[in-house]
PDB file of all heavy atoms in Angstrom:
ATOM      1  N   ASP A   1      20.933  49.695 234.573  1.00  0.00           N
ATOM      2  CA  ASP A   1      21.786  49.218 233.493  1.00  0.00           C
ATOM      3  C   ASP A   1      20.887  48.951 232.280  1.00  0.00           C
ATOM      4  O   ASP A   1      20.227  47.916 232.203  1.00  0.00           O
ATOM      5  CB  ASP A   1      22.504  47.896 233.932  1.00  0.00           C
ATOM      6  CG  ASP A   1      23.475  47.431 232.881  1.00  0.00           C
ATOM      7  OD1 ASP A   1      23.376  47.814 231.685  1.00  0.00           O
ATOM      8  OD2 ASP A   1      24.361  46.543 233.235  1.00  0.00           O
ATOM      9  N   ASN A   2      20.881  49.894 231.425  1.00  0.00           N
ATOM     10  CA  ASN A   2      19.987  49.852 230.250  1.00  0.00           C
ATOM     11  C   ASN A   2      20.265  48.710 229.346  1.00  0.00           C
ATOM     12  O   ASN A   2      19.378  48.172 228.635  1.00  0.00           O
ATOM     13  CB  ASN A   2      20.007  51.146 229.467  1.00  0.00           C
ATOM     14  CG  ASN A   2      19.320  52.302 230.242  1.00  0.00           C
ATOM     15  OD1 ASN A   2      18.433  52.097 231.090  1.00  0.00           O
ATOM     16  ND2 ASN A   2      19.721  53.492 230.006  1.00  0.00           N
ATOM     17  N   SER A   3      21.548  48.332 229.196  1.00  0.00           N
ATOM     18  CA  SER A   3      21.853  47.198 228.335  1.00  0.00           C
ATOM     19  C   SER A   3      21.380  45.862 228.812  1.00  0.00           C
ATOM     20  O   SER A   3      21.021  45.008 228.047  1.00  0.00           O
ATOM     21  CB  SER A   3      23.425  47.139 228.194  1.00  0.00           C
ATOM     22  OG  SER A   3      24.058  46.781 229.372  1.00  0.00           O
ATOM     23  N   ARG A   4      21.271  45.741 230.146  1.00  0.00           N
ATOM     24  CA  ARG A   4      20.701  44.543 230.746  1.00  0.00           C
ATOM     25  C   ARG A   4      19.233  44.700 231.111  1.00  0.00           C
ATOM     26  O   ARG A   4      18.601  43.712 231.579  1.00  0.00           O
ATOM     27  CB  ARG A   4      21.520  44.143 231.990  1.00  0.00           C
ATOM     28  CG  ARG A   4      22.994  43.864 231.707  1.00  0.00           C
ATOM     29  CD  ARG A   4      23.650  43.296 232.935  1.00  0.00           C
ATOM     30  NE  ARG A   4      23.146  42.059 233.400  1.00  0.00           N
ATOM     31  CZ  ARG A   4      22.448  41.929 234.581  1.00  0.00           C
ATOM     32  NH1 ARG A   4      22.281  42.938 235.353  1.00  0.00           N
ATOM     33  NH2 ARG A   4      21.984  40.719 234.884  1.00  0.00           N
ATOM     34  N   LYS A   5      18.714  45.854 230.950  1.00  0.00           N
ATOM     35  CA  LYS A   5      17.320  46.152 231.333  1.00  0.00           C
ATOM     36  C   LYS A   5      17.024  45.764 232.760  1.00  0.00           C
ATOM     37  O   LYS A   5      16.084  44.980 233.111  1.00  0.00           O
ATOM     38  CB  LYS A   5      16.372  45.464 230.375  1.00  0.00           C
ATOM     39  CG  LYS A   5      16.481  45.935 228.910  1.00  0.00           C
ATOM     40  CD  LYS A   5      15.516  45.219 228.023  1.00  0.00           C
ATOM     41  CE  LYS A   5      15.612  45.755 226.596  1.00  0.00           C
ATOM     42  NZ  LYS A   5      14.704  45.130 225.683  1.00  0.00           N
ATOM     43  N   VAL A   6      17.796  46.374 233.656  1.00  0.00           N
ATOM     44  CA  VAL A   6      17.623  46.084 235.100  1.00  0.00           C
ATOM     45  C   VAL A   6      17.841  47.406 235.874  1.00  0.00           C
ATOM     46  O   VAL A   6      18.597  48.291 235.498  1.00  0.00           O
ATOM     47  CB  VAL A   6      18.674  45.027 235.574  1.00  0.00           C
ATOM     48  CG1 VAL A   6      20.143  45.542 235.368  1.00  0.00           C
ATOM     49  CG2 VAL A   6      18.465  44.665 237.021  1.00  0.00           C
ATOM     50  N   VAL A   7      17.068  47.509 236.924  1.00  0.00           N
ATOM     51  CA  VAL A   7      17.110  48.627 237.834  1.00  0.00           C
ATOM     52  C   VAL A   7      17.427  48.141 239.210  1.00  0.00           C
ATOM     53  O   VAL A   7      16.953  47.053 239.645  1.00  0.00           O
ATOM     54  CB  VAL A   7      15.785  49.365 237.868  1.00  0.00           C
ATOM     55  CG1 VAL A   7      15.829  50.577 238.821  1.00  0.00           C
ATOM     56  CG2 VAL A   7      15.376  49.784 236.480  1.00  0.00           C
ATOM     57  N   HIS A   8      18.347  48.837 239.875  1.00  0.00           N
ATOM     58  CA  HIS A   8      18.695  48.461 241.238  1.00  0.00           C
ATOM     59  C   HIS A   8      18.290  49.512 242.228  1.00  0.00           C
ATOM     60  O   HIS A   8      18.176  50.669 241.922  1.00  0.00           O
ATOM     61  CB  HIS A   8      20.233  48.265 241.352  1.00  0.00           C
ATOM     62  CG  HIS A   8      20.779  47.207 240.424  1.00  0.00           C
ATOM     63  ND1 HIS A   8      20.539  45.863 240.610  1.00  0.00           N
ATOM     64  CD2 HIS A   8      21.512  47.325 239.305  1.00  0.00           C
ATOM     65  CE1 HIS A   8      21.115  45.234 239.642  1.00  0.00           C
ATOM     66  NE2 HIS A   8      21.778  46.069 238.813  1.00  0.00           N
ATOM     67  N   LEU A   9      18.146  49.071 243.487  1.00  0.00           N
ATOM     68  CA  LEU A   9      17.988  49.944 244.620  1.00  0.00           C
ATOM     69  C   LEU A   9      18.880  49.520 245.718  1.00  0.00           C
ATOM     70  O   LEU A   9      18.674  48.504 246.321  1.00  0.00           O
ATOM     71  CB  LEU A   9      16.548  49.969 245.075  1.00  0.00           C
ATOM     72  CG  LEU A   9      16.212  51.024 246.219  1.00  0.00           C
ATOM     73  CD1 LEU A   9      16.302  52.413 245.644  1.00  0.00           C
ATOM     74  CD2 LEU A   9      14.810  50.708 246.788  1.00  0.00           C
ATOM     75  N   ARG A  10      19.977  50.338 245.887  1.00  0.00           N
ATOM     76  CA  ARG A  10      20.847  50.057 246.975  1.00  0.00           C
ATOM     77  C   ARG A  10      20.388  50.781 248.197  1.00  0.00           C
ATOM     78  O   ARG A  10      20.159  51.968 248.211  1.00  0.00           O
ATOM     79  CB  ARG A  10      22.305  50.573 246.598  1.00  0.00           C
ATOM     80  CG  ARG A  10      23.314  50.416 247.661  1.00  0.00           C
ATOM     81  CD  ARG A  10      23.648  48.945 247.924  1.00  0.00           C
ATOM     82  NE  ARG A  10      24.648  48.725 248.942  1.00  0.00           N
ATOM     83  CZ  ARG A  10      25.228  47.608 249.282  1.00  0.00           C
ATOM     84  NH1 ARG A  10      24.923  46.490 248.615  1.00  0.00           N
ATOM     85  NH2 ARG A  10      26.100  47.521 250.241  1.00  0.00           N
ATOM     86  N   MET A  11      20.152  50.006 249.278  1.00  0.00           N
ATOM     87  CA  MET A  11      19.565  50.514 250.508  1.00  0.00           C
ATOM     88  C   MET A  11      20.645  50.358 251.581  1.00  0.00           C
ATOM     89  O   MET A  11      21.082  49.236 251.861  1.00  0.00           O
ATOM     90  CB  MET A  11      18.345  49.769 250.860  1.00  0.00           C
ATOM     91  CG  MET A  11      17.266  49.763 249.794  1.00  0.00           C
ATOM     92  SD  MET A  11      15.698  48.997 250.306  1.00  0.00           S
ATOM     93  CE  MET A  11      16.277  47.286 250.488  1.00  0.00           C
ATOM     94  N   SER A  12      20.975  51.438 252.252  1.00  0.00           N
ATOM     95  CA  SER A  12      21.976  51.441 253.303  1.00  0.00           C
ATOM     96  C   SER A  12      21.401  52.055 254.532  1.00  0.00           C
ATOM     97  O   SER A  12      20.390  52.778 254.512  1.00  0.00           O
ATOM     98  CB  SER A  12      23.241  52.204 252.853  1.00  0.00           C
ATOM     99  OG  SER A  12      23.847  51.652 251.736  1.00  0.00           O
ATOM    100  N   ASN A  13      22.083  51.785 255.664  1.00  0.00           N
ATOM    101  CA  ASN A  13      21.595  52.296 256.979  1.00  0.00           C
ATOM    102  C   ASN A  13      20.099  52.050 257.145  1.00  0.00           C
ATOM    103  O   ASN A  13      19.346  52.987 257.463  1.00  0.00           O
ATOM    104  CB  ASN A  13      21.904  53.765 257.078  1.00  0.00           C
ATOM    105  CG  ASN A  13      21.776  54.316 258.450  1.00  0.00           C
ATOM    106  OD1 ASN A  13      21.822  53.551 259.425  1.00  0.00           O
ATOM    107  ND2 ASN A  13      21.548  55.615 258.624  1.00  0.00           N
ATOM    108  N   LEU A  14      19.703  50.822 256.954  1.00  0.00           N
ATOM    109  CA  LEU A  14      18.301  50.502 256.946  1.00  0.00           C
ATOM    110  C   LEU A  14      17.759  50.678 258.392  1.00  0.00           C
ATOM    111  O   LEU A  14      18.371  50.394 259.380  1.00  0.00           O
ATOM    112  CB  LEU A  14      18.008  49.121 256.487  1.00  0.00           C
ATOM    113  CG  LEU A  14      18.154  48.862 254.977  1.00  0.00           C
ATOM    114  CD1 LEU A  14      18.372  47.464 254.602  1.00  0.00           C
ATOM    115  CD2 LEU A  14      16.859  49.415 254.350  1.00  0.00           C
ATOM    116  N   LYS A  15      16.518  51.163 258.381  1.00  0.00           N
ATOM    117  CA  LYS A  15      15.763  51.375 259.589  1.00  0.00           C
ATOM    118  C   LYS A  15      14.560  50.436 259.679  1.00  0.00           C
ATOM    119  O   LYS A  15      14.061  49.977 258.660  1.00  0.00           O
ATOM    120  CB  LYS A  15      15.352  52.842 259.661  1.00  0.00           C
ATOM    121  CG  LYS A  15      16.484  53.831 259.546  1.00  0.00           C
ATOM    122  CD  LYS A  15      15.909  55.295 259.539  1.00  0.00           C
ATOM    123  CE  LYS A  15      17.081  56.301 259.318  1.00  0.00           C
ATOM    124  NZ  LYS A  15      18.088  56.224 260.405  1.00  0.00           N
ATOM    125  N   ALA A  16      14.019  50.271 260.837  1.00  0.00           N
ATOM    126  CA  ALA A  16      12.832  49.460 261.013  1.00  0.00           C
ATOM    127  C   ALA A  16      11.676  49.912 260.119  1.00  0.00           C
ATOM    128  O   ALA A  16      10.907  49.072 259.644  1.00  0.00           O
ATOM    129  CB  ALA A  16      12.444  49.364 262.474  1.00  0.00           C
ATOM    130  N   GLU A  17      11.569  51.257 259.998  1.00  0.00           N
ATOM    131  CA  GLU A  17      10.459  51.838 259.173  1.00  0.00           C
ATOM    132  C   GLU A  17      10.639  51.500 257.738  1.00  0.00           C
ATOM    133  O   GLU A  17       9.698  51.843 256.930  1.00  0.00           O
ATOM    134  CB  GLU A  17      10.311  53.310 259.470  1.00  0.00           C
ATOM    135  CG  GLU A  17      11.582  54.084 259.351  1.00  0.00           C
ATOM    136  CD  GLU A  17      12.268  54.358 260.655  1.00  0.00           C
ATOM    137  OE1 GLU A  17      12.309  53.423 261.495  1.00  0.00           O
ATOM    138  OE2 GLU A  17      12.765  55.493 260.812  1.00  0.00           O
ATOM    139  N   ASP A  18      11.696  50.972 257.285  1.00  0.00           N
ATOM    140  CA  ASP A  18      11.908  50.634 255.944  1.00  0.00           C
ATOM    141  C   ASP A  18      11.288  49.266 255.598  1.00  0.00           C
ATOM    142  O   ASP A  18      11.279  48.893 254.403  1.00  0.00           O
ATOM    143  CB  ASP A  18      13.439  50.575 255.534  1.00  0.00           C
ATOM    144  CG  ASP A  18      14.023  51.961 255.617  1.00  0.00           C
ATOM    145  OD1 ASP A  18      13.470  52.939 255.207  1.00  0.00           O
ATOM    146  OD2 ASP A  18      15.235  51.975 256.107  1.00  0.00           O
ATOM    147  N   THR A  19      10.845  48.565 256.571  1.00  0.00           N
ATOM    148  CA  THR A  19      10.188  47.298 256.437  1.00  0.00           C
ATOM    149  C   THR A  19       8.985  47.433 255.563  1.00  0.00           C
ATOM    150  O   THR A  19       8.087  48.206 255.913  1.00  0.00           O
ATOM    151  CB  THR A  19       9.865  46.691 257.784  1.00  0.00           C
ATOM    152  OG1 THR A  19      11.014  46.381 258.541  1.00  0.00           O
ATOM    153  CG2 THR A  19       9.059  45.369 257.578  1.00  0.00           C
ATOM    154  N   ALA A  20       8.922  46.670 254.447  1.00  0.00           N
ATOM    155  CA  ALA A  20       7.899  46.801 253.465  1.00  0.00           C
ATOM    156  C   ALA A  20       8.111  45.818 252.340  1.00  0.00           C
ATOM    157  O   ALA A  20       9.196  45.204 252.261  1.00  0.00           O
ATOM    158  CB  ALA A  20       7.738  48.177 252.913  1.00  0.00           C
ATOM    159  N   THR A  21       7.156  45.683 251.516  1.00  0.00           N
ATOM    160  CA  THR A  21       7.319  44.988 250.270  1.00  0.00           C
ATOM    161  C   THR A  21       7.669  46.058 249.170  1.00  0.00           C
ATOM    162  O   THR A  21       6.946  47.088 249.060  1.00  0.00           O
ATOM    163  CB  THR A  21       6.062  44.228 249.829  1.00  0.00           C
ATOM    164  OG1 THR A  21       5.773  43.271 250.827  1.00  0.00           O
ATOM    165  CG2 THR A  21       6.329  43.481 248.508  1.00  0.00           C
ATOM    166  N   TYR A  22       8.794  45.806 248.436  1.00  0.00           N
ATOM    167  CA  TYR A  22       9.246  46.758 247.522  1.00  0.00           C
ATOM    168  C   TYR A  22       8.872  46.273 246.089  1.00  0.00           C
ATOM    169  O   TYR A  22       9.060  45.171 245.721  1.00  0.00           O
ATOM    170  CB  TYR A  22      10.751  46.923 247.644  1.00  0.00           C
ATOM    171  CG  TYR A  22      11.164  47.770 248.882  1.00  0.00           C
ATOM    172  CD1 TYR A  22      11.027  47.226 250.154  1.00  0.00           C
ATOM    173  CD2 TYR A  22      11.606  49.044 248.781  1.00  0.00           C
ATOM    174  CE1 TYR A  22      11.335  47.976 251.264  1.00  0.00           C
ATOM    175  CE2 TYR A  22      11.933  49.807 249.856  1.00  0.00           C
ATOM    176  CZ  TYR A  22      11.771  49.287 251.066  1.00  0.00           C
ATOM    177  OH  TYR A  22      12.112  50.032 252.261  1.00  0.00           O
ATOM    178  N   TYR A  23       8.340  47.254 245.356  1.00  0.00           N
ATOM    179  CA  TYR A  23       7.938  47.011 243.995  1.00  0.00           C
ATOM    180  C   TYR A  23       8.590  47.807 242.961  1.00  0.00           C
ATOM    181  O   TYR A  23       8.857  49.014 243.198  1.00  0.00           O
ATOM    182  CB  TYR A  23       6.416  47.224 243.928  1.00  0.00           C
ATOM    183  CG  TYR A  23       5.562  46.488 244.780  1.00  0.00           C
ATOM    184  CD1 TYR A  23       5.233  46.891 246.075  1.00  0.00           C
ATOM    185  CD2 TYR A  23       5.025  45.227 244.377  1.00  0.00           C
ATOM    186  CE1 TYR A  23       4.375  46.203 246.925  1.00  0.00           C
ATOM    187  CE2 TYR A  23       4.161  44.530 245.231  1.00  0.00           C
ATOM    188  CZ  TYR A  23       3.877  44.978 246.454  1.00  0.00           C
ATOM    189  OH  TYR A  23       3.053  44.246 247.375  1.00  0.00           O
ATOM    190  N   CYS A  24       8.877  47.259 241.855  1.00  0.00           N
ATOM    191  CA  CYS A  24       9.420  48.019 240.693  1.00  0.00           C
ATOM    192  C   CYS A  24       8.254  48.398 239.783  1.00  0.00           C
ATOM    193  O   CYS A  24       7.268  47.672 239.687  1.00  0.00           O
ATOM    194  CB  CYS A  24      10.402  47.061 239.944  1.00  0.00           C
ATOM    195  SG  CYS A  24      11.295  47.846 238.664  1.00  0.00           S
ATOM    196  N   HIS A  25       8.422  49.519 239.132  1.00  0.00           N
ATOM    197  CA  HIS A  25       7.292  50.040 238.306  1.00  0.00           C
ATOM    198  C   HIS A  25       7.792  50.877 237.184  1.00  0.00           C
ATOM    199  O   HIS A  25       8.850  51.625 237.293  1.00  0.00           O
ATOM    200  CB  HIS A  25       6.404  50.935 239.197  1.00  0.00           C
ATOM    201  CG  HIS A  25       5.243  51.513 238.534  1.00  0.00           C
ATOM    202  ND1 HIS A  25       4.278  50.836 237.813  1.00  0.00           N
ATOM    203  CD2 HIS A  25       4.896  52.866 238.407  1.00  0.00           C
ATOM    204  CE1 HIS A  25       3.442  51.640 237.287  1.00  0.00           C
ATOM    205  NE2 HIS A  25       3.777  52.888 237.651  1.00  0.00           N
ATOM    206  N   VAL A  26       7.135  50.804 236.085  1.00  0.00           N
ATOM    207  CA  VAL A  26       7.378  51.743 234.969  1.00  0.00           C
ATOM    208  C   VAL A  26       6.434  52.905 235.117  1.00  0.00           C
ATOM    209  O   VAL A  26       5.235  52.739 235.028  1.00  0.00           O
ATOM    210  CB  VAL A  26       7.085  51.005 233.558  1.00  0.00           C
ATOM    211  CG1 VAL A  26       7.345  51.986 232.442  1.00  0.00           C
ATOM    212  CG2 VAL A  26       7.943  49.773 233.404  1.00  0.00           C
ATOM    213  N   GLU A  27       7.103  54.025 235.380  1.00  0.00           N
ATOM    214  CA  GLU A  27       6.298  55.235 235.648  1.00  0.00           C
ATOM    215  C   GLU A  27       5.462  55.584 234.404  1.00  0.00           C
ATOM    216  O   GLU A  27       5.895  55.477 233.287  1.00  0.00           O
ATOM    217  CB  GLU A  27       7.219  56.426 235.899  1.00  0.00           C
ATOM    218  CG  GLU A  27       7.825  56.309 237.380  1.00  0.00           C
ATOM    219  CD  GLU A  27       6.767  56.527 238.435  1.00  0.00           C
ATOM    220  OE1 GLU A  27       6.101  55.567 238.817  1.00  0.00           O
ATOM    221  OE2 GLU A  27       6.645  57.684 238.974  1.00  0.00           O
ATOM    222  N   ARG A  28       4.208  55.974 234.659  1.00  0.00           N
ATOM    223  CA  ARG A  28       3.156  56.284 233.704  1.00  0.00           C
ATOM    224  C   ARG A  28       2.812  55.108 232.864  1.00  0.00           C
ATOM    225  O   ARG A  28       2.231  55.270 231.846  1.00  0.00           O
ATOM    226  CB  ARG A  28       3.713  57.481 232.808  1.00  0.00           C
ATOM    227  CG  ARG A  28       3.919  58.791 233.562  1.00  0.00           C
ATOM    228  CD  ARG A  28       4.406  59.904 232.699  1.00  0.00           C
ATOM    229  NE  ARG A  28       5.644  59.561 231.950  1.00  0.00           N
ATOM    230  CZ  ARG A  28       6.785  59.665 232.520  1.00  0.00           C
ATOM    231  NH1 ARG A  28       6.932  60.045 233.780  1.00  0.00           N
ATOM    232  NH2 ARG A  28       7.872  59.310 231.783  1.00  0.00           N
ATOM    233  N   GLY A  29       3.179  53.987 233.283  1.00  0.00           N
ATOM    234  CA  GLY A  29       2.789  52.728 232.587  1.00  0.00           C
ATOM    235  C   GLY A  29       2.037  51.774 233.509  1.00  0.00           C
ATOM    236  O   GLY A  29       1.625  52.167 234.627  1.00  0.00           O
ATOM    237  N   ALA A  30       1.811  50.592 233.027  1.00  0.00           N
ATOM    238  CA  ALA A  30       1.054  49.643 233.754  1.00  0.00           C
ATOM    239  C   ALA A  30       1.832  48.485 234.362  1.00  0.00           C
ATOM    240  O   ALA A  30       1.268  47.613 235.025  1.00  0.00           O
ATOM    241  CB  ALA A  30      -0.070  49.031 232.813  1.00  0.00           C
ATOM    242  N   ALA A  31       3.167  48.440 234.103  1.00  0.00           N
ATOM    243  CA  ALA A  31       3.942  47.302 234.523  1.00  0.00           C
ATOM    244  C   ALA A  31       4.387  47.400 235.993  1.00  0.00           C
ATOM    245  O   ALA A  31       4.868  48.438 236.442  1.00  0.00           O
ATOM    246  CB  ALA A  31       5.185  47.237 233.623  1.00  0.00           C
ATOM    247  N   TRP A  32       4.103  46.393 236.718  1.00  0.00           N
ATOM    248  CA  TRP A  32       4.604  46.176 238.122  1.00  0.00           C
ATOM    249  C   TRP A  32       5.231  44.833 238.292  1.00  0.00           C
ATOM    250  O   TRP A  32       4.996  43.876 237.440  1.00  0.00           O
ATOM    251  CB  TRP A  32       3.417  46.278 239.088  1.00  0.00           C
ATOM    252  CG  TRP A  32       2.846  47.612 239.234  1.00  0.00           C
ATOM    253  CD1 TRP A  32       1.724  48.137 238.499  1.00  0.00           C
ATOM    254  CD2 TRP A  32       3.193  48.653 240.169  1.00  0.00           C
ATOM    255  NE1 TRP A  32       1.481  49.440 238.887  1.00  0.00           N
ATOM    256  CE2 TRP A  32       2.298  49.764 239.931  1.00  0.00           C
ATOM    257  CE3 TRP A  32       4.135  48.742 241.125  1.00  0.00           C
ATOM    258  CZ2 TRP A  32       2.391  50.885 240.710  1.00  0.00           C
ATOM    259  CZ3 TRP A  32       4.215  49.900 241.884  1.00  0.00           C
ATOM    260  CH2 TRP A  32       3.353  50.988 241.692  1.00  0.00           C
ATOM    261  N   GLY A  33       6.036  44.703 239.252  1.00  0.00           N
ATOM    262  CA  GLY A  33       6.507  43.370 239.615  1.00  0.00           C
ATOM    263  C   GLY A  33       5.703  42.824 240.799  1.00  0.00           C
ATOM    264  O   GLY A  33       4.845  43.589 241.377  1.00  0.00           O
ATOM    265  N   PRO A  34       5.878  41.609 241.237  1.00  0.00           N
ATOM    266  CA  PRO A  34       5.181  40.979 242.327  1.00  0.00           C
ATOM    267  C   PRO A  34       5.691  41.481 243.688  1.00  0.00           C
ATOM    268  O   PRO A  34       5.039  41.230 244.743  1.00  0.00           O
ATOM    269  CB  PRO A  34       5.373  39.530 242.156  1.00  0.00           C
ATOM    270  CG  PRO A  34       6.686  39.416 241.520  1.00  0.00           C
ATOM    271  CD  PRO A  34       6.831  40.616 240.556  1.00  0.00           C
ATOM    272  N   GLY A  35       6.819  42.150 243.696  1.00  0.00           N
ATOM    273  CA  GLY A  35       7.344  42.689 244.917  1.00  0.00           C
ATOM    274  C   GLY A  35       8.379  41.744 245.563  1.00  0.00           C
ATOM    275  O   GLY A  35       8.365  40.535 245.329  1.00  0.00           O
TER     276      GLY A  35
END
């Protein structure tokens, strides 16, 4: 949602192998979230 400056990741049919810390990132940039 560019107006709100937010990115979502809808995850369905989750599997055990999806267990992880998920991070948001600006591609080709330096910005990361804490996860």
